[in-house]
Amino acid sequence: MTKKLPEKSGIPEACPHCGTKLSPWQQVLLATDRALVCRECWYRIILDVNPEPQKKDSEKLQNKGN
């Protein structure tokens, strides 16, 4: 049985589907691209990204004048 490894800063150390350990290089790719496919089980590992809310044009103009 596979056990879950602790996550550092939201980047998993193993595939959440099959438990295969991700290499340090795969972890770097996952941290930058936010998506990776496991080589063992072909599971898509996609990290959630919370985008910052976009400002309206009127707010941009007000901030530009200050």
C-alpha atoms as a PDB file:
ATOM      1  CA  MET A   1       0.000   0.000   0.000  1.00  0.00           C
ATOM      2  CA  THR A   2       1.288   3.454  -0.857  1.00  0.00           C
ATOM      3  CA  LYS A   3       1.381   6.185   1.718  1.00  0.00           C
ATOM      4  CA  LYS A   4       0.949   9.856   1.029  1.00  0.00           C
ATOM      5  CA  LEU A   5       4.042  11.947   1.366  1.00  0.00           C
ATOM      6  CA  PRO A   6       3.898  15.416   2.905  1.00  0.00           C
ATOM      7  CA  GLU A   7       3.586  18.303   0.475  1.00  0.00           C
ATOM      8  CA  LYS A   8       5.949  21.267   0.443  1.00  0.00           C
ATOM      9  CA  SER A   9       4.382  24.554  -0.615  1.00  0.00           C
ATOM     10  CA  GLY A  10       1.556  22.756  -2.403  1.00  0.00           C
ATOM     11  CA  ILE A  11       3.811  20.714  -4.723  1.00  0.00           C
ATOM     12  CA  PRO A  12       3.220  16.978  -4.238  1.00  0.00           C
ATOM     13  CA  GLU A  13       6.205  14.646  -3.943  1.00  0.00           C
ATOM     14  CA  ALA A  14       4.277  11.710  -5.435  1.00  0.00           C
ATOM     15  CA  CYS A  15       1.485  11.131  -7.917  1.00  0.00           C
ATOM     16  CA  PRO A  16      -1.833  11.417  -6.045  1.00  0.00           C
ATOM     17  CA  HIS A  17      -3.296   8.640  -8.226  1.00  0.00           C
ATOM     18  CA  CYS A  18      -0.689   5.860  -8.163  1.00  0.00           C
ATOM     19  CA  GLY A  19       1.807   7.083  -5.535  1.00  0.00           C
ATOM     20  CA  THR A  20       4.842   7.029  -7.824  1.00  0.00           C
ATOM     21  CA  LYS A  21       7.521   9.368  -6.475  1.00  0.00           C
ATOM     22  CA  LEU A  22       8.060  12.448  -8.633  1.00  0.00           C
ATOM     23  CA  SER A  23      11.650  13.324  -9.455  1.00  0.00           C
ATOM     24  CA  PRO A  24      12.992  16.706  -8.345  1.00  0.00           C
ATOM     25  CA  TRP A  25      12.906  17.821 -11.981  1.00  0.00           C
ATOM     26  CA  GLN A  26       9.234  16.819 -12.314  1.00  0.00           C
ATOM     27  CA  GLN A  27       8.471  18.787  -9.147  1.00  0.00           C
ATOM     28  CA  VAL A  28      10.149  21.868 -10.653  1.00  0.00           C
ATOM     29  CA  LEU A  29       8.126  21.466 -13.852  1.00  0.00           C
ATOM     30  CA  LEU A  30       4.944  21.070 -11.835  1.00  0.00           C
ATOM     31  CA  ALA A  31       5.742  24.185  -9.829  1.00  0.00           C
ATOM     32  CA  THR A  32       6.259  26.299 -12.949  1.00  0.00           C
ATOM     33  CA  ASP A  33       3.733  24.853 -15.403  1.00  0.00           C
ATOM     34  CA  ARG A  34       1.149  23.858 -12.738  1.00  0.00           C
ATOM     35  CA  ALA A  35       0.379  20.693 -14.740  1.00  0.00           C
ATOM     36  CA  LEU A  36       2.185  17.390 -15.318  1.00  0.00           C
ATOM     37  CA  VAL A  37       1.362  13.892 -16.555  1.00  0.00           C
ATOM     38  CA  CYS A  38       2.545  10.956 -14.436  1.00  0.00           C
ATOM     39  CA  ARG A  39       4.837   8.676 -16.424  1.00  0.00           C
ATOM     40  CA  GLU A  40       3.597   5.590 -14.599  1.00  0.00           C
ATOM     41  CA  CYS A  41      -0.197   5.843 -14.807  1.00  0.00           C
ATOM     42  CA  TRP A  42      -0.668   8.790 -17.233  1.00  0.00           C
ATOM     43  CA  TYR A  43      -2.731  10.662 -14.617  1.00  0.00           C
ATOM     44  CA  ARG A  44      -2.901  14.428 -15.181  1.00  0.00           C
ATOM     45  CA  ILE A  45      -1.677  16.273 -12.113  1.00  0.00           C
ATOM     46  CA  ILE A  46      -3.082  19.803 -12.268  1.00  0.00           C
ATOM     47  CA  LEU A  47      -2.503  22.304  -9.474  1.00  0.00           C
ATOM     48  CA  ASP A  48      -5.239  24.838  -8.796  1.00  0.00           C
ATOM     49  CA  VAL A  49      -4.291  28.429  -9.429  1.00  0.00           C
ATOM     50  CA  ASN A  50      -6.327  31.242  -7.913  1.00  0.00           C
ATOM     51  CA  PRO A  51      -5.975  34.182 -10.307  1.00  0.00           C
ATOM     52  CA  GLU A  52      -6.080  37.681  -8.891  1.00  0.00           C
ATOM     53  CA  PRO A  53      -9.334  39.485  -9.629  1.00  0.00           C
ATOM     54  CA  GLN A  54      -8.986  41.798 -12.611  1.00  0.00           C
ATOM     55  CA  LYS A  55      -9.537  45.490 -12.002  1.00  0.00           C
ATOM     56  CA  LYS A  56     -12.096  47.369 -14.032  1.00  0.00           C
ATOM     57  CA  ASP A  57     -10.945  49.999 -16.506  1.00  0.00           C
ATOM     58  CA  SER A  58     -12.331  52.815 -14.328  1.00  0.00           C
ATOM     59  CA  GLU A  59     -10.282  51.597 -11.337  1.00  0.00           C
ATOM     60  CA  LYS A  60      -7.149  51.452 -13.491  1.00  0.00           C
ATOM     61  CA  LEU A  61      -7.652  55.047 -14.600  1.00  0.00           C
ATOM     62  CA  GLN A  62      -8.168  56.246 -11.028  1.00  0.00           C
ATOM     63  CA  ASN A  63      -4.992  54.511  -9.849  1.00  0.00           C
ATOM     64  CA  LYS A  64      -3.046  55.856 -12.810  1.00  0.00           C
ATOM     65  CA  GLY A  65      -3.822  59.460 -11.871  1.00  0.00           C
ATOM     66  CA  ASN A  66      -2.513  59.079  -8.296  1.00  0.00           C
END
